[in-house]
């Protein structure tokens, strides 16, 4: 199995802040989009697959010296998953995706996403 996918996860709750030396930097990932290539091989009713790709995230951040809304960071994306055939045209999918974002204002970040789905093939 080979495929290409576009994704747009909305990360409305990813908000971080830390205190270092009396300052309180804040970093919030608003949303991000990904473009991934997926490859897998069927073993009976199981279809394990892997994915790699790129993404871009939209970030708001505040440091003691500056603040910026809608900054953008490039992401490197990878993941693993498996589809399990339950019936001839029904499958269960589970997958994990990891996205590492390039540093914005010297702050790197990453997102782990797990998904479970039920699908129908035509």
PDB file of N, CA and C in Angstrom:
ATOM      1  N   UNK A   1       0.848  -1.160   0.000  1.00  0.00           N
ATOM      2  CA  UNK A   1       0.000   0.000   0.000  1.00  0.00           C
ATOM      3  C   UNK A   1       0.897   1.228   0.000  1.00  0.00           C
ATOM      4  N   UNK A   2       0.621   2.145  -0.889  1.00  0.00           N
ATOM      5  CA  UNK A   2       1.312   3.424  -0.956  1.00  0.00           C
ATOM      6  C   UNK A   2       0.264   4.519  -1.000  1.00  0.00           C
ATOM      7  N   UNK A   3       0.523   5.645  -0.354  1.00  0.00           N
ATOM      8  CA  UNK A   3      -0.449   6.728  -0.389  1.00  0.00           C
ATOM      9  C   UNK A   3       0.146   8.042   0.063  1.00  0.00           C
ATOM     10  N   UNK A   4      -0.578   9.111  -0.228  1.00  0.00           N
ATOM     11  CA  UNK A   4      -0.238  10.464   0.209  1.00  0.00           C
ATOM     12  C   UNK A   4      -1.409  11.002   1.007  1.00  0.00           C
ATOM     13  N   UNK A   5      -1.115  11.775   2.052  1.00  0.00           N
ATOM     14  CA  UNK A   5      -2.175  12.319   2.901  1.00  0.00           C
ATOM     15  C   UNK A   5      -1.876  13.758   3.281  1.00  0.00           C
ATOM     16  N   UNK A   6      -2.934  14.532   3.412  1.00  0.00           N
ATOM     17  CA  UNK A   6      -2.874  15.868   3.990  1.00  0.00           C
ATOM     18  C   UNK A   6      -3.604  15.814   5.323  1.00  0.00           C
ATOM     19  N   UNK A   7      -3.097  16.533   6.316  1.00  0.00           N
ATOM     20  CA  UNK A   7      -3.759  16.562   7.609  1.00  0.00           C
ATOM     21  C   UNK A   7      -3.775  17.971   8.174  1.00  0.00           C
ATOM     22  N   UNK A   8      -4.820  18.267   8.946  1.00  0.00           N
ATOM     23  CA  UNK A   8      -4.915  19.573   9.597  1.00  0.00           C
ATOM     24  C   UNK A   8      -5.429  19.384  11.028  1.00  0.00           C
ATOM     25  N   UNK A   9      -4.531  18.962  11.942  1.00  0.00           N
ATOM     26  CA  UNK A   9      -4.946  18.853  13.343  1.00  0.00           C
ATOM     27  C   UNK A   9      -4.998  20.233  13.984  1.00  0.00           C
ATOM     28  N   UNK A  10      -6.026  20.507  14.723  1.00  0.00           N
ATOM     29  CA  UNK A  10      -6.153  21.779  15.444  1.00  0.00           C
ATOM     30  C   UNK A  10      -5.771  21.521  16.882  1.00  0.00           C
ATOM     31  N   UNK A  11      -4.670  22.121  17.334  1.00  0.00           N
ATOM     32  CA  UNK A  11      -4.131  21.880  18.672  1.00  0.00           C
ATOM     33  C   UNK A  11      -4.500  23.027  19.603  1.00  0.00           C
ATOM     34  N   UNK A  12      -5.765  23.223  19.856  1.00  0.00           N
ATOM     35  CA  UNK A  12      -6.201  24.385  20.620  1.00  0.00           C
ATOM     36  C   UNK A  12      -5.782  24.357  22.076  1.00  0.00           C
ATOM     37  N   UNK A  13      -5.345  23.203  22.602  1.00  0.00           N
ATOM     38  CA  UNK A  13      -5.007  23.157  24.016  1.00  0.00           C
ATOM     39  C   UNK A  13      -3.513  23.024  24.276  1.00  0.00           C
ATOM     40  N   UNK A  14      -2.655  23.105  23.257  1.00  0.00           N
ATOM     41  CA  UNK A  14      -1.219  22.987  23.474  1.00  0.00           C
ATOM     42  C   UNK A  14      -0.665  24.356  23.823  1.00  0.00           C
ATOM     43  N   UNK A  15      -0.453  24.578  25.099  1.00  0.00           N
ATOM     44  CA  UNK A  15       0.017  25.860  25.610  1.00  0.00           C
ATOM     45  C   UNK A  15       1.071  25.572  26.661  1.00  0.00           C
ATOM     46  N   UNK A  16       2.264  26.129  26.518  1.00  0.00           N
ATOM     47  CA  UNK A  16       3.322  25.880  27.490  1.00  0.00           C
ATOM     48  C   UNK A  16       3.871  27.194  28.007  1.00  0.00           C
ATOM     49  N   UNK A  17       4.348  27.159  29.221  1.00  0.00           N
ATOM     50  CA  UNK A  17       5.085  28.292  29.769  1.00  0.00           C
ATOM     51  C   UNK A  17       6.060  27.746  30.785  1.00  0.00           C
ATOM     52  N   UNK A  18       7.147  28.471  30.999  1.00  0.00           N
ATOM     53  CA  UNK A  18       8.137  28.057  31.984  1.00  0.00           C
ATOM     54  C   UNK A  18       8.704  29.297  32.644  1.00  0.00           C
ATOM     55  N   UNK A  19       9.340  29.107  33.760  1.00  0.00           N
ATOM     56  CA  UNK A  19       9.956  30.209  34.469  1.00  0.00           C
ATOM     57  C   UNK A  19      11.454  29.964  34.534  1.00  0.00           C
ATOM     58  N   UNK A  20      12.220  30.871  33.991  1.00  0.00           N
ATOM     59  CA  UNK A  20      13.679  30.738  33.989  1.00  0.00           C
ATOM     60  C   UNK A  20      14.297  32.098  34.283  1.00  0.00           C
ATOM     61  N   UNK A  21      14.960  32.200  35.424  1.00  0.00           N
ATOM     62  CA  UNK A  21      15.643  33.452  35.764  1.00  0.00           C
ATOM     63  C   UNK A  21      14.696  34.614  35.957  1.00  0.00           C
ATOM     64  N   UNK A  22      13.520  34.376  36.480  1.00  0.00           N
ATOM     65  CA  UNK A  22      12.575  35.456  36.736  1.00  0.00           C
ATOM     66  C   UNK A  22      11.719  35.822  35.539  1.00  0.00           C
ATOM     67  N   UNK A  23      11.967  35.204  34.398  1.00  0.00           N
ATOM     68  CA  UNK A  23      11.158  35.492  33.218  1.00  0.00           C
ATOM     69  C   UNK A  23      10.156  34.366  33.019  1.00  0.00           C
ATOM     70  N   UNK A  24       9.101  34.641  32.298  1.00  0.00           N
ATOM     71  CA  UNK A  24       8.074  33.629  32.045  1.00  0.00           C
ATOM     72  C   UNK A  24       7.748  33.565  30.565  1.00  0.00           C
ATOM     73  N   UNK A  25       8.561  32.848  29.765  1.00  0.00           N
ATOM     74  CA  UNK A  25       8.220  32.712  28.355  1.00  0.00           C
ATOM     75  C   UNK A  25       6.961  31.870  28.178  1.00  0.00           C
ATOM     76  N   UNK A  26       6.211  32.166  27.135  1.00  0.00           N
ATOM     77  CA  UNK A  26       4.990  31.429  26.839  1.00  0.00           C
ATOM     78  C   UNK A  26       4.987  31.068  25.359  1.00  0.00           C
ATOM     79  N   UNK A  27       4.486  29.875  25.045  1.00  0.00           N
ATOM     80  CA  UNK A  27       4.520  29.348  23.680  1.00  0.00           C
ATOM     81  C   UNK A  27       3.217  28.603  23.452  1.00  0.00           C
ATOM     82  N   UNK A  28       2.476  28.937  22.410  1.00  0.00           N
ATOM     83  CA  UNK A  28       1.208  28.278  22.141  1.00  0.00           C
ATOM     84  C   UNK A  28       1.135  27.874  20.675  1.00  0.00           C
ATOM     85  N   UNK A  29       0.996  26.552  20.439  1.00  0.00           N
ATOM     86  CA  UNK A  29       0.797  26.033  19.092  1.00  0.00           C
ATOM     87  C   UNK A  29      -0.690  26.122  18.778  1.00  0.00           C
ATOM     88  N   UNK A  30      -1.055  26.948  17.798  1.00  0.00           N
ATOM     89  CA  UNK A  30      -2.460  27.174  17.461  1.00  0.00           C
ATOM     90  C   UNK A  30      -3.016  26.063  16.581  1.00  0.00           C
ATOM     91  N   UNK A  31      -2.323  25.742  15.504  1.00  0.00           N
ATOM     92  CA  UNK A  31      -2.737  24.679  14.600  1.00  0.00           C
ATOM     93  C   UNK A  31      -1.560  24.341  13.697  1.00  0.00           C
ATOM     94  N   UNK A  32      -1.685  23.232  12.979  1.00  0.00           N
ATOM     95  CA  UNK A  32      -0.631  22.872  12.047  1.00  0.00           C
ATOM     96  C   UNK A  32      -1.195  21.977  10.960  1.00  0.00           C
ATOM     97  N   UNK A  33      -0.507  21.981   9.824  1.00  0.00           N
ATOM     98  CA  UNK A  33      -0.892  21.142   8.699  1.00  0.00           C
ATOM     99  C   UNK A  33       0.265  20.233   8.331  1.00  0.00           C
ATOM    100  N   UNK A  34      -0.056  19.039   7.822  1.00  0.00           N
ATOM    101  CA  UNK A  34       0.982  18.083   7.455  1.00  0.00           C
ATOM    102  C   UNK A  34       0.724  17.513   6.067  1.00  0.00           C
ATOM    103  N   UNK A  35       1.795  17.125   5.414  1.00  0.00           N
ATOM    104  CA  UNK A  35       1.758  16.399   4.147  1.00  0.00           C
ATOM    105  C   UNK A  35       2.631  15.169   4.345  1.00  0.00           C
ATOM    106  N   UNK A  36       2.028  13.969   4.224  1.00  0.00           N
ATOM    107  CA  UNK A  36       2.716  12.730   4.560  1.00  0.00           C
ATOM    108  C   UNK A  36       2.625  11.710   3.434  1.00  0.00           C
ATOM    109  N   UNK A  37       3.683  10.913   3.308  1.00  0.00           N
ATOM    110  CA  UNK A  37       3.677   9.739   2.443  1.00  0.00           C
ATOM    111  C   UNK A  37       3.537   8.528   3.357  1.00  0.00           C
ATOM    112  N   UNK A  38       2.706   7.571   2.942  1.00  0.00           N
ATOM    113  CA  UNK A  38       2.428   6.388   3.762  1.00  0.00           C
ATOM    114  C   UNK A  38       2.719   5.145   2.935  1.00  0.00           C
ATOM    115  N   UNK A  39       3.336   4.143   3.593  1.00  0.00           N
ATOM    116  CA  UNK A  39       3.618   2.867   2.931  1.00  0.00           C
ATOM    117  C   UNK A  39       3.363   1.739   3.920  1.00  0.00           C
ATOM    118  N   UNK A  40       2.797   0.645   3.414  1.00  0.00           N
ATOM    119  CA  UNK A  40       2.523  -0.506   4.265  1.00  0.00           C
ATOM    120  C   UNK A  40       2.441  -1.774   3.444  1.00  0.00           C
ATOM    121  N   UNK A  41       2.383  -2.895   4.154  1.00  0.00           N
ATOM    122  CA  UNK A  41       2.306  -4.195   3.489  1.00  0.00           C
ATOM    123  C   UNK A  41       1.326  -5.074   4.255  1.00  0.00           C
ATOM    124  N   UNK A  42       0.413  -5.733   3.553  1.00  0.00           N
ATOM    125  CA  UNK A  42      -0.615  -6.561   4.196  1.00  0.00           C
ATOM    126  C   UNK A  42      -0.077  -7.944   4.545  1.00  0.00           C
ATOM    127  N   UNK A  43      -0.391  -8.359   5.771  1.00  0.00           N
ATOM    128  CA  UNK A  43      -0.111  -9.713   6.264  1.00  0.00           C
ATOM    129  C   UNK A  43      -1.431 -10.286   6.725  1.00  0.00           C
ATOM    130  N   UNK A  44      -2.104 -11.038   5.854  1.00  0.00           N
ATOM    131  CA  UNK A  44      -3.422 -11.565   6.209  1.00  0.00           C
ATOM    132  C   UNK A  44      -4.402 -10.424   6.426  1.00  0.00           C
ATOM    133  N   UNK A  45      -5.009 -10.374   7.601  1.00  0.00           N
ATOM    134  CA  UNK A  45      -5.976  -9.301   7.890  1.00  0.00           C
ATOM    135  C   UNK A  45      -5.324  -8.065   8.499  1.00  0.00           C
ATOM    136  N   UNK A  46      -3.996  -8.051   8.644  1.00  0.00           N
ATOM    137  CA  UNK A  46      -3.277  -6.932   9.255  1.00  0.00           C
ATOM    138  C   UNK A  46      -2.520  -6.141   8.200  1.00  0.00           C
ATOM    139  N   UNK A  47      -2.547  -4.812   8.323  1.00  0.00           N
ATOM    140  CA  UNK A  47      -1.829  -3.921   7.416  1.00  0.00           C
ATOM    141  C   UNK A  47      -1.024  -2.913   8.244  1.00  0.00           C
ATOM    142  N   UNK A  48       0.204  -3.268   8.640  1.00  0.00           N
ATOM    143  CA  UNK A  48       1.043  -2.281   9.327  1.00  0.00           C
ATOM    144  C   UNK A  48       1.552  -1.254   8.318  1.00  0.00           C
ATOM    145  N   UNK A  49       1.722  -0.016   8.767  1.00  0.00           N
ATOM    146  CA  UNK A  49       2.197   1.034   7.863  1.00  0.00           C
ATOM    147  C   UNK A  49       3.030   2.055   8.620  1.00  0.00           C
ATOM    148  N   UNK A  50       3.833   2.780   7.857  1.00  0.00           N
ATOM    149  CA  UNK A  50       4.667   3.857   8.385  1.00  0.00           C
ATOM    150  C   UNK A  50       4.430   5.092   7.523  1.00  0.00           C
ATOM    151  N   UNK A  51       4.692   6.263   8.117  1.00  0.00           N
ATOM    152  CA  UNK A  51       4.503   7.512   7.372  1.00  0.00           C
ATOM    153  C   UNK A  51       5.628   8.485   7.696  1.00  0.00           C
ATOM    154  N   UNK A  52       5.993   9.292   6.731  1.00  0.00           N
ATOM    155  CA  UNK A  52       6.968  10.369   6.893  1.00  0.00           C
ATOM    156  C   UNK A  52       6.468  11.565   6.111  1.00  0.00           C
ATOM    157  N   UNK A  53       6.854  12.760   6.562  1.00  0.00           N
ATOM    158  CA  UNK A  53       6.425  13.942   5.836  1.00  0.00           C
ATOM    159  C   UNK A  53       6.901  15.224   6.480  1.00  0.00           C
ATOM    160  N   UNK A  54       6.315  16.313   6.011  1.00  0.00           N
ATOM    161  CA  UNK A  54       6.622  17.652   6.498  1.00  0.00           C
ATOM    162  C   UNK A  54       5.339  18.335   6.938  1.00  0.00           C
ATOM    163  N   UNK A  55       5.499  19.346   7.741  1.00  0.00           N
ATOM    164  CA  UNK A  55       4.343  20.124   8.174  1.00  0.00           C
ATOM    165  C   UNK A  55       4.763  21.547   8.485  1.00  0.00           C
ATOM    166  N   UNK A  56       3.783  22.353   8.776  1.00  0.00           N
ATOM    167  CA  UNK A  56       4.035  23.727   9.206  1.00  0.00           C
ATOM    168  C   UNK A  56       3.041  24.053  10.320  1.00  0.00           C
ATOM    169  N   UNK A  57       3.540  24.699  11.368  1.00  0.00           N
ATOM    170  CA  UNK A  57       2.695  25.053  12.505  1.00  0.00           C
ATOM    171  C   UNK A  57       2.600  26.558  12.674  1.00  0.00           C
ATOM    172  N   UNK A  58       1.463  27.006  13.194  1.00  0.00           N
ATOM    173  CA  UNK A  58       1.228  28.432  13.480  1.00  0.00           C
ATOM    174  C   UNK A  58       1.306  28.614  14.993  1.00  0.00           C
ATOM    175  N   UNK A  59       2.165  29.537  15.449  1.00  0.00           N
ATOM    176  CA  UNK A  59       2.529  29.645  16.853  1.00  0.00           C
ATOM    177  C   UNK A  59       2.422  31.084  17.335  1.00  0.00           C
ATOM    178  N   UNK A  60       1.916  31.270  18.560  1.00  0.00           N
ATOM    179  CA  UNK A  60       1.993  32.544  19.277  1.00  0.00           C
ATOM    180  C   UNK A  60       3.021  32.361  20.383  1.00  0.00           C
ATOM    181  N   UNK A  61       3.923  33.334  20.561  1.00  0.00           N
ATOM    182  CA  UNK A  61       4.883  33.215  21.659  1.00  0.00           C
ATOM    183  C   UNK A  61       5.179  34.573  22.284  1.00  0.00           C
ATOM    184  N   UNK A  62       5.571  34.531  23.554  1.00  0.00           N
ATOM    185  CA  UNK A  62       5.956  35.722  24.318  1.00  0.00           C
ATOM    186  C   UNK A  62       7.227  35.370  25.074  1.00  0.00           C
ATOM    187  N   UNK A  63       8.241  36.221  24.956  1.00  0.00           N
ATOM    188  CA  UNK A  63       9.465  36.099  25.753  1.00  0.00           C
ATOM    189  C   UNK A  63       9.643  37.422  26.496  1.00  0.00           C
ATOM    190  N   UNK A  64      10.599  37.500  27.404  1.00  0.00           N
ATOM    191  CA  UNK A  64      10.804  38.781  28.095  1.00  0.00           C
ATOM    192  C   UNK A  64      11.144  39.933  27.159  1.00  0.00           C
ATOM    193  N   UNK A  65      11.729  39.632  25.985  1.00  0.00           N
ATOM    194  CA  UNK A  65      12.136  40.705  25.086  1.00  0.00           C
ATOM    195  C   UNK A  65      11.210  40.919  23.886  1.00  0.00           C
ATOM    196  N   UNK A  66      10.346  39.960  23.570  1.00  0.00           N
ATOM    197  CA  UNK A  66       9.511  40.103  22.375  1.00  0.00           C
ATOM    198  C   UNK A  66       8.263  39.237  22.460  1.00  0.00           C
ATOM    199  N   UNK A  67       7.306  39.564  21.627  1.00  0.00           N
ATOM    200  CA  UNK A  67       6.134  38.693  21.461  1.00  0.00           C
ATOM    201  C   UNK A  67       5.773  38.678  19.986  1.00  0.00           C
ATOM    202  N   UNK A  68       5.152  37.596  19.582  1.00  0.00           N
ATOM    203  CA  UNK A  68       4.805  37.465  18.172  1.00  0.00           C
ATOM    204  C   UNK A  68       3.571  36.588  18.045  1.00  0.00           C
ATOM    205  N   UNK A  69       2.609  37.033  17.281  1.00  0.00           N
ATOM    206  CA  UNK A  69       1.430  36.237  16.959  1.00  0.00           C
ATOM    207  C   UNK A  69       1.591  35.691  15.545  1.00  0.00           C
ATOM    208  N   UNK A  70       1.113  34.482  15.339  1.00  0.00           N
ATOM    209  CA  UNK A  70       1.115  33.837  14.028  1.00  0.00           C
ATOM    210  C   UNK A  70       2.504  33.665  13.421  1.00  0.00           C
ATOM    211  N   UNK A  71       3.480  33.249  14.240  1.00  0.00           N
ATOM    212  CA  UNK A  71       4.779  32.850  13.707  1.00  0.00           C
ATOM    213  C   UNK A  71       4.610  31.442  13.122  1.00  0.00           C
ATOM    214  N   UNK A  72       5.468  31.082  12.190  1.00  0.00           N
ATOM    215  CA  UNK A  72       5.380  29.769  11.559  1.00  0.00           C
ATOM    216  C   UNK A  72       6.655  28.975  11.809  1.00  0.00           C
ATOM    217  N   UNK A  73       6.498  27.661  12.012  1.00  0.00           N
ATOM    218  CA  UNK A  73       7.631  26.762  12.214  1.00  0.00           C
ATOM    219  C   UNK A  73       7.449  25.534  11.336  1.00  0.00           C
ATOM    220  N   UNK A  74       8.536  25.084  10.730  1.00  0.00           N
ATOM    221  CA  UNK A  74       8.535  23.873   9.922  1.00  0.00           C
ATOM    222  C   UNK A  74       8.523  22.666  10.847  1.00  0.00           C
ATOM    223  N   UNK A  75       7.842  21.598  10.439  1.00  0.00           N
ATOM    224  CA  UNK A  75       7.788  20.375  11.243  1.00  0.00           C
ATOM    225  C   UNK A  75       8.244  19.184  10.407  1.00  0.00           C
ATOM    226  N   UNK A  76       8.914  18.261  11.063  1.00  0.00           N
ATOM    227  CA  UNK A  76       9.271  16.974  10.468  1.00  0.00           C
ATOM    228  C   UNK A  76       8.353  15.943  11.115  1.00  0.00           C
ATOM    229  N   UNK A  77       7.664  15.138  10.305  1.00  0.00           N
ATOM    230  CA  UNK A  77       6.599  14.261  10.788  1.00  0.00           C
ATOM    231  C   UNK A  77       6.936  12.806  10.480  1.00  0.00           C
ATOM    232  N   UNK A  78       6.640  11.929  11.434  1.00  0.00           N
ATOM    233  CA  UNK A  78       6.799  10.496  11.239  1.00  0.00           C
ATOM    234  C   UNK A  78       5.758   9.759  12.061  1.00  0.00           C
ATOM    235  N   UNK A  79       5.445   8.536  11.687  1.00  0.00           N
ATOM    236  CA  UNK A  79       4.460   7.798  12.461  1.00  0.00           C
ATOM    237  C   UNK A  79       4.359   6.347  12.059  1.00  0.00           C
ATOM    238  N   UNK A  80       3.635   5.601  12.881  1.00  0.00           N
ATOM    239  CA  UNK A  80       3.391   4.179  12.667  1.00  0.00           C
ATOM    240  C   UNK A  80       1.921   3.889  12.893  1.00  0.00           C
ATOM    241  N   UNK A  81       1.414   2.840  12.250  1.00  0.00           N
ATOM    242  CA  UNK A  81       0.020   2.477  12.458  1.00  0.00           C
ATOM    243  C   UNK A  81      -0.262   1.073  11.976  1.00  0.00           C
ATOM    244  N   UNK A  82      -1.482   0.637  12.225  1.00  0.00           N
ATOM    245  CA  UNK A  82      -1.921  -0.674  11.758  1.00  0.00           C
ATOM    246  C   UNK A  82      -3.415  -0.629  11.472  1.00  0.00           C
ATOM    247  N   UNK A  83      -3.798  -1.253  10.375  1.00  0.00           N
ATOM    248  CA  UNK A  83      -5.203  -1.477  10.039  1.00  0.00           C
ATOM    249  C   UNK A  83      -5.485  -2.962  10.245  1.00  0.00           C
ATOM    250  N   UNK A  84      -6.643  -3.267  10.811  1.00  0.00           N
ATOM    251  CA  UNK A  84      -7.048  -4.655  11.036  1.00  0.00           C
ATOM    252  C   UNK A  84      -8.400  -4.853  10.381  1.00  0.00           C
ATOM    253  N   UNK A  85      -8.484  -5.799   9.440  1.00  0.00           N
ATOM    254  CA  UNK A  85      -9.750  -6.094   8.771  1.00  0.00           C
ATOM    255  C   UNK A  85     -10.662  -6.834   9.739  1.00  0.00           C
ATOM    256  N   UNK A  86     -11.833  -6.259  10.023  1.00  0.00           N
ATOM    257  CA  UNK A  86     -12.817  -6.890  10.895  1.00  0.00           C
ATOM    258  C   UNK A  86     -13.813  -7.727  10.100  1.00  0.00           C
ATOM    259  N   UNK A  87     -14.169  -7.213   8.919  1.00  0.00           N
ATOM    260  CA  UNK A  87     -15.051  -7.894   7.971  1.00  0.00           C
ATOM    261  C   UNK A  87     -14.514  -7.574   6.581  1.00  0.00           C
ATOM    262  N   UNK A  88     -15.059  -8.150   5.509  1.00  0.00           N
ATOM    263  CA  UNK A  88     -14.484  -7.904   4.183  1.00  0.00           C
ATOM    264  C   UNK A  88     -14.350  -6.423   3.801  1.00  0.00           C
ATOM    265  N   UNK A  89     -15.247  -5.550   4.241  1.00  0.00           N
ATOM    266  CA  UNK A  89     -15.170  -4.142   3.855  1.00  0.00           C
ATOM    267  C   UNK A  89     -15.115  -3.198   5.053  1.00  0.00           C
ATOM    268  N   UNK A  90     -14.830  -3.706   6.241  1.00  0.00           N
ATOM    269  CA  UNK A  90     -14.762  -2.885   7.454  1.00  0.00           C
ATOM    270  C   UNK A  90     -13.418  -3.126   8.132  1.00  0.00           C
ATOM    271  N   UNK A  91     -12.739  -2.026   8.509  1.00  0.00           N
ATOM    272  CA  UNK A  91     -11.448  -2.164   9.176  1.00  0.00           C
ATOM    273  C   UNK A  91     -11.352  -1.212  10.367  1.00  0.00           C
ATOM    274  N   UNK A  92     -10.484  -1.569  11.298  1.00  0.00           N
ATOM    275  CA  UNK A  92     -10.172  -0.754  12.465  1.00  0.00           C
ATOM    276  C   UNK A  92      -8.756  -0.240  12.280  1.00  0.00           C
ATOM    277  N   UNK A  93      -8.548   1.061  12.516  1.00  0.00           N
ATOM    278  CA  UNK A  93      -7.218   1.661  12.343  1.00  0.00           C
ATOM    279  C   UNK A  93      -6.757   2.282  13.650  1.00  0.00           C
ATOM    280  N   UNK A  94      -5.499   2.066  13.962  1.00  0.00           N
ATOM    281  CA  UNK A  94      -4.847   2.734  15.076  1.00  0.00           C
ATOM    282  C   UNK A  94      -3.529   3.285  14.580  1.00  0.00           C
ATOM    283  N   UNK A  95      -3.213   4.536  14.948  1.00  0.00           N
ATOM    284  CA  UNK A  95      -1.957   5.105  14.483  1.00  0.00           C
ATOM    285  C   UNK A  95      -1.417   6.131  15.463  1.00  0.00           C
ATOM    286  N   UNK A  96      -0.100   6.305  15.415  1.00  0.00           N
ATOM    287  CA  UNK A  96       0.616   7.290  16.222  1.00  0.00           C
ATOM    288  C   UNK A  96       1.424   8.160  15.279  1.00  0.00           C
ATOM    289  N   UNK A  97       1.423   9.470  15.538  1.00  0.00           N
ATOM    290  CA  UNK A  97       2.165  10.423  14.712  1.00  0.00           C
ATOM    291  C   UNK A  97       2.975  11.339  15.617  1.00  0.00           C
ATOM    292  N   UNK A  98       4.210  11.591  15.230  1.00  0.00           N
ATOM    293  CA  UNK A  98       5.105  12.483  15.966  1.00  0.00           C
ATOM    294  C   UNK A  98       5.510  13.622  15.045  1.00  0.00           C
ATOM    295  N   UNK A  99       5.377  14.859  15.515  1.00  0.00           N
ATOM    296  CA  UNK A  99       5.790  16.028  14.742  1.00  0.00           C
ATOM    297  C   UNK A  99       6.771  16.847  15.574  1.00  0.00           C
ATOM    298  N   UNK A 100       7.970  17.072  15.048  1.00  0.00           N
ATOM    299  CA  UNK A 100       8.988  17.895  15.704  1.00  0.00           C
ATOM    300  C   UNK A 100       9.059  19.218  14.965  1.00  0.00           C
ATOM    301  N   UNK A 101       8.856  20.313  15.682  1.00  0.00           N
ATOM    302  CA  UNK A 101       8.870  21.650  15.097  1.00  0.00           C
ATOM    303  C   UNK A 101      10.235  22.302  15.292  1.00  0.00           C
ATOM    304  N   UNK A 102      10.721  22.999  14.260  1.00  0.00           N
ATOM    305  CA  UNK A 102      11.963  23.740  14.385  1.00  0.00           C
ATOM    306  C   UNK A 102      11.787  24.817  15.455  1.00  0.00           C
ATOM    307  N   UNK A 103      12.869  25.192  16.141  1.00  0.00           N
ATOM    308  CA  UNK A 103      12.749  26.164  17.236  1.00  0.00           C
ATOM    309  C   UNK A 103      12.228  27.516  16.765  1.00  0.00           C
ATOM    310  N   UNK A 104      11.345  28.076  17.573  1.00  0.00           N
ATOM    311  CA  UNK A 104      10.839  29.433  17.388  1.00  0.00           C
ATOM    312  C   UNK A 104      11.262  30.209  18.620  1.00  0.00           C
ATOM    313  N   UNK A 105      11.996  31.281  18.435  1.00  0.00           N
ATOM    314  CA  UNK A 105      12.532  32.064  19.543  1.00  0.00           C
ATOM    315  C   UNK A 105      13.286  31.157  20.518  1.00  0.00           C
ATOM    316  N   UNK A 106      14.121  30.268  19.964  1.00  0.00           N
ATOM    317  CA  UNK A 106      14.960  29.317  20.723  1.00  0.00           C
ATOM    318  C   UNK A 106      14.155  28.286  21.509  1.00  0.00           C
ATOM    319  N   UNK A 107      12.886  28.073  21.165  1.00  0.00           N
ATOM    320  CA  UNK A 107      12.055  27.093  21.863  1.00  0.00           C
ATOM    321  C   UNK A 107      11.621  26.010  20.886  1.00  0.00           C
ATOM    322  N   UNK A 108      12.223  24.798  21.000  1.00  0.00           N
ATOM    323  CA  UNK A 108      11.750  23.694  20.161  1.00  0.00           C
ATOM    324  C   UNK A 108      10.484  23.091  20.760  1.00  0.00           C
ATOM    325  N   UNK A 109       9.708  22.421  19.940  1.00  0.00           N
ATOM    326  CA  UNK A 109       8.501  21.767  20.453  1.00  0.00           C
ATOM    327  C   UNK A 109       8.199  20.538  19.613  1.00  0.00           C
ATOM    328  N   UNK A 110       7.374  19.662  20.167  1.00  0.00           N
ATOM    329  CA  UNK A 110       6.952  18.476  19.444  1.00  0.00           C
ATOM    330  C   UNK A 110       5.546  18.111  19.888  1.00  0.00           C
ATOM    331  N   UNK A 111       4.864  17.354  19.034  1.00  0.00           N
ATOM    332  CA  UNK A 111       3.498  16.925  19.299  1.00  0.00           C
ATOM    333  C   UNK A 111       3.399  15.437  19.000  1.00  0.00           C
ATOM    334  N   UNK A 112       2.842  14.677  19.935  1.00  0.00           N
ATOM    335  CA  UNK A 112       2.508  13.263  19.732  1.00  0.00           C
ATOM    336  C   UNK A 112       0.999  13.172  19.565  1.00  0.00           C
ATOM    337  N   UNK A 113       0.548  12.499  18.533  1.00  0.00           N
ATOM    338  CA  UNK A 113      -0.882  12.360  18.272  1.00  0.00           C
ATOM    339  C   UNK A 113      -1.212  10.881  18.102  1.00  0.00           C
ATOM    340  N   UNK A 114      -2.240  10.422  18.799  1.00  0.00           N
ATOM    341  CA  UNK A 114      -2.727   9.054  18.632  1.00  0.00           C
ATOM    342  C   UNK A 114      -4.140   9.125  18.074  1.00  0.00           C
ATOM    343  N   UNK A 115      -4.440   8.254  17.107  1.00  0.00           N
ATOM    344  CA  UNK A 115      -5.768   8.229  16.493  1.00  0.00           C
ATOM    345  C   UNK A 115      -6.259   6.794  16.403  1.00  0.00           C
ATOM    346  N   UNK A 116      -7.549   6.634  16.569  1.00  0.00           N
ATOM    347  CA  UNK A 116      -8.224   5.355  16.384  1.00  0.00           C
ATOM    348  C   UNK A 116      -9.425   5.618  15.491  1.00  0.00           C
ATOM    349  N   UNK A 117      -9.670   4.756  14.518  1.00  0.00           N
ATOM    350  CA  UNK A 117     -10.785   4.974  13.614  1.00  0.00           C
ATOM    351  C   UNK A 117     -11.366   3.669  13.096  1.00  0.00           C
ATOM    352  N   UNK A 118     -12.591   3.764  12.664  1.00  0.00           N
ATOM    353  CA  UNK A 118     -13.291   2.652  12.030  1.00  0.00           C
ATOM    354  C   UNK A 118     -13.572   3.071  10.597  1.00  0.00           C
ATOM    355  N   UNK A 119     -13.216   2.237   9.628  1.00  0.00           N
ATOM    356  CA  UNK A 119     -13.368   2.621   8.239  1.00  0.00           C
ATOM    357  C   UNK A 119     -14.131   1.581   7.430  1.00  0.00           C
ATOM    358  N   UNK A 120     -14.660   2.048   6.297  1.00  0.00           N
ATOM    359  CA  UNK A 120     -15.376   1.193   5.354  1.00  0.00           C
ATOM    360  C   UNK A 120     -14.701   1.346   3.991  1.00  0.00           C
ATOM    361  N   UNK A 121     -14.354   0.244   3.364  1.00  0.00           N
ATOM    362  CA  UNK A 121     -13.792   0.242   2.016  1.00  0.00           C
ATOM    363  C   UNK A 121     -14.894   0.006   1.008  1.00  0.00           C
ATOM    364  N   UNK A 122     -14.785   0.652  -0.150  1.00  0.00           N
ATOM    365  CA  UNK A 122     -15.760   0.453  -1.232  1.00  0.00           C
ATOM    366  C   UNK A 122     -15.149  -0.353  -2.341  1.00  0.00           C
TER     367      UNK A 122
END
